[in-house]
Amino acid sequence: MDLKQQIFTRLKPKAKGFGFNKKEMMGIAAKIADNLSLEEDALEEDVNAAIDEQIDAVRKQVGDKKV
């Protein structure tokens, strides 16, 4: 699974309440993937932690705007 798809998979349940469609969520996943700076040999745990950190940042920004 490529990084963008992995991010999308982790993003989907966390952003469900914001009403994004699949195309919008894939766009967000692509932006997150572009902003991640990981070593080539990063452990899966490190990758998941970095993804979750970026997703939480996006949720805070979107949540602030939706409220």
N, C-alpha and C. Protein backbone atom coordinates (compact mmCIF):
# COMPACT_ATOMS: atom_id res chain seq x y z
N MET A 1 0.86 -1.17 0.00
CA MET A 1 0.00 0.00 0.00
C MET A 1 0.91 1.24 0.00
N ASP A 2 0.65 2.15 -0.90
CA ASP A 2 1.47 3.36 -0.94
C ASP A 2 1.08 4.30 0.20
N LEU A 3 1.92 5.30 0.44
CA LEU A 3 1.74 6.19 1.57
C LEU A 3 0.42 6.94 1.51
N LYS A 4 0.04 7.43 0.34
CA LYS A 4 -1.22 8.17 0.20
C LYS A 4 -2.42 7.30 0.57
N GLN A 5 -2.41 6.06 0.13
CA GLN A 5 -3.51 5.13 0.45
C GLN A 5 -3.52 4.80 1.94
N GLN A 6 -2.33 4.64 2.51
CA GLN A 6 -2.23 4.35 3.94
C GLN A 6 -2.79 5.52 4.75
N ILE A 7 -2.47 6.74 4.34
CA ILE A 7 -2.99 7.92 5.01
C ILE A 7 -4.51 7.99 4.86
N PHE A 8 -5.01 7.74 3.65
CA PHE A 8 -6.44 7.76 3.41
C PHE A 8 -7.16 6.77 4.33
N THR A 9 -6.59 5.58 4.47
CA THR A 9 -7.19 4.54 5.31
C THR A 9 -7.27 4.99 6.76
N ARG A 10 -6.23 5.68 7.23
CA ARG A 10 -6.22 6.14 8.61
C ARG A 10 -7.07 7.41 8.79
N LEU A 11 -7.18 8.20 7.74
CA LEU A 11 -7.93 9.45 7.79
C LEU A 11 -9.44 9.23 7.77
N LYS A 12 -9.87 8.27 7.00
CA LYS A 12 -11.30 8.05 6.75
C LYS A 12 -12.16 8.01 8.02
N PRO A 13 -11.85 7.15 8.99
CA PRO A 13 -12.73 7.12 10.18
C PRO A 13 -12.60 8.38 11.05
N LYS A 14 -11.44 9.02 11.03
CA LYS A 14 -11.22 10.18 11.87
C LYS A 14 -11.92 11.42 11.33
N ALA A 15 -12.11 11.50 10.02
CA ALA A 15 -12.69 12.70 9.41
C ALA A 15 -14.12 12.47 8.94
N LYS A 16 -14.68 11.35 9.32
CA LYS A 16 -16.02 10.96 8.87
C LYS A 16 -17.07 12.03 9.15
N GLY A 17 -17.01 12.66 10.31
CA GLY A 17 -18.02 13.63 10.72
C GLY A 17 -17.96 14.97 10.01
N PHE A 18 -16.92 15.21 9.22
CA PHE A 18 -16.80 16.50 8.56
C PHE A 18 -17.49 16.56 7.21
N GLY A 19 -17.97 15.44 6.71
CA GLY A 19 -18.76 15.43 5.49
C GLY A 19 -17.96 15.52 4.19
N PHE A 20 -16.70 15.16 4.20
CA PHE A 20 -15.90 15.18 2.98
C PHE A 20 -16.26 14.00 2.10
N ASN A 21 -16.21 14.19 0.78
CA ASN A 21 -16.40 13.05 -0.12
C ASN A 21 -15.04 12.39 -0.36
N LYS A 22 -15.04 11.27 -1.07
CA LYS A 22 -13.81 10.50 -1.26
C LYS A 22 -12.74 11.31 -1.99
N LYS A 23 -13.13 12.07 -3.00
CA LYS A 23 -12.17 12.87 -3.76
C LYS A 23 -11.49 13.90 -2.87
N GLU A 24 -12.26 14.56 -2.03
CA GLU A 24 -11.70 15.55 -1.11
C GLU A 24 -10.76 14.90 -0.10
N MET A 25 -11.16 13.74 0.41
CA MET A 25 -10.32 13.04 1.38
C MET A 25 -9.02 12.56 0.74
N MET A 26 -9.08 12.11 -0.52
CA MET A 26 -7.85 11.69 -1.21
C MET A 26 -6.93 12.90 -1.41
N GLY A 27 -7.52 14.07 -1.67
CA GLY A 27 -6.72 15.29 -1.80
C GLY A 27 -6.03 15.65 -0.50
N ILE A 28 -6.74 15.51 0.60
CA ILE A 28 -6.16 15.77 1.92
C ILE A 28 -5.05 14.76 2.19
N ALA A 29 -5.29 13.49 1.87
CA ALA A 29 -4.28 12.46 2.07
C ALA A 29 -3.03 12.76 1.25
N ALA A 30 -3.21 13.24 0.02
CA ALA A 30 -2.06 13.58 -0.83
C ALA A 30 -1.26 14.72 -0.23
N LYS A 31 -1.95 15.73 0.29
CA LYS A 31 -1.25 16.87 0.92
C LYS A 31 -0.48 16.42 2.16
N ILE A 32 -1.10 15.56 2.95
CA ILE A 32 -0.41 15.04 4.14
C ILE A 32 0.83 14.26 3.71
N ALA A 33 0.69 13.41 2.69
CA ALA A 33 1.83 12.62 2.20
C ALA A 33 2.96 13.53 1.74
N ASP A 34 2.62 14.61 1.07
CA ASP A 34 3.64 15.55 0.59
C ASP A 34 4.35 16.25 1.75
N ASN A 35 3.66 16.43 2.86
CA ASN A 35 4.24 17.15 4.00
C ASN A 35 4.99 16.27 4.98
N LEU A 36 4.89 14.96 4.82
CA LEU A 36 5.60 14.07 5.74
C LEU A 36 7.07 14.01 5.38
N SER A 37 7.91 14.04 6.38
CA SER A 37 9.34 13.87 6.16
C SER A 37 9.79 12.66 6.97
N LEU A 38 9.85 11.54 6.30
CA LEU A 38 10.21 10.27 6.95
C LEU A 38 11.45 9.70 6.28
N GLU A 39 12.22 8.98 7.07
CA GLU A 39 13.37 8.26 6.52
C GLU A 39 12.87 7.08 5.70
N GLU A 40 13.65 6.70 4.71
CA GLU A 40 13.27 5.57 3.86
C GLU A 40 13.07 4.29 4.67
N ASP A 41 13.86 4.12 5.73
CA ASP A 41 13.80 2.90 6.52
C ASP A 41 13.00 3.08 7.81
N ALA A 42 12.08 4.04 7.82
CA ALA A 42 11.26 4.30 9.01
C ALA A 42 10.40 3.09 9.34
N LEU A 43 10.27 2.84 10.62
CA LEU A 43 9.42 1.74 11.08
C LEU A 43 7.96 2.10 10.85
N GLU A 44 7.13 1.07 10.69
CA GLU A 44 5.70 1.30 10.47
C GLU A 44 5.08 2.10 11.61
N GLU A 45 5.54 1.85 12.83
CA GLU A 45 5.02 2.60 13.99
C GLU A 45 5.33 4.09 13.85
N ASP A 46 6.53 4.40 13.37
CA ASP A 46 6.92 5.81 13.19
C ASP A 46 6.10 6.45 12.08
N VAL A 47 5.86 5.70 11.01
CA VAL A 47 5.05 6.20 9.90
C VAL A 47 3.64 6.49 10.39
N ASN A 48 3.05 5.54 11.11
CA ASN A 48 1.69 5.72 11.62
C ASN A 48 1.60 6.89 12.59
N ALA A 49 2.60 7.06 13.44
CA ALA A 49 2.60 8.17 14.39
C ALA A 49 2.67 9.51 13.65
N ALA A 50 3.50 9.58 12.62
CA ALA A 50 3.62 10.81 11.83
C ALA A 50 2.32 11.11 11.09
N ILE A 51 1.70 10.08 10.55
CA ILE A 51 0.42 10.23 9.84
C ILE A 51 -0.64 10.74 10.82
N ASP A 52 -0.74 10.11 11.98
CA ASP A 52 -1.74 10.51 12.96
C ASP A 52 -1.53 11.96 13.42
N GLU A 53 -0.28 12.35 13.58
CA GLU A 53 0.02 13.73 13.98
C GLU A 53 -0.48 14.73 12.92
N GLN A 54 -0.25 14.42 11.65
CA GLN A 54 -0.70 15.30 10.58
C GLN A 54 -2.23 15.31 10.47
N ILE A 55 -2.84 14.14 10.63
CA ILE A 55 -4.31 14.05 10.57
C ILE A 55 -4.93 14.88 11.69
N ASP A 56 -4.36 14.79 12.89
CA ASP A 56 -4.90 15.56 14.01
C ASP A 56 -4.79 17.06 13.75
N ALA A 57 -3.69 17.48 13.12
CA ALA A 57 -3.51 18.89 12.79
C ALA A 57 -4.57 19.34 11.79
N VAL A 58 -4.85 18.50 10.80
CA VAL A 58 -5.88 18.82 9.79
C VAL A 58 -7.25 18.88 10.45
N ARG A 59 -7.53 17.91 11.31
CA ARG A 59 -8.84 17.90 12.00
C ARG A 59 -9.05 19.14 12.82
N LYS A 60 -8.01 19.62 13.49
CA LYS A 60 -8.13 20.83 14.30
C LYS A 60 -8.43 22.03 13.41
N GLN A 61 -7.75 22.14 12.29
CA GLN A 61 -7.98 23.26 11.38
C GLN A 61 -9.38 23.21 10.78
N VAL A 62 -9.78 22.05 10.33
CA VAL A 62 -11.11 21.91 9.72
C VAL A 62 -12.19 22.07 10.78
N GLY A 63 -11.97 21.50 11.93
CA GLY A 63 -12.95 21.62 13.02
C GLY A 63 -13.16 23.06 13.43
N ASP A 64 -12.08 23.82 13.50
CA ASP A 64 -12.19 25.23 13.86
C ASP A 64 -13.02 26.00 12.83
N LYS A 65 -12.89 25.65 11.56
CA LYS A 65 -13.61 26.35 10.50
C LYS A 65 -15.07 25.92 10.40
N LYS A 66 -15.35 24.67 10.76
CA LYS A 66 -16.71 24.13 10.64
C LYS A 66 -17.60 24.54 11.80
N VAL A 67 -17.03 24.90 12.92
CA VAL A 67 -17.82 25.19 14.11
C VAL A 67 -18.43 26.56 14.03
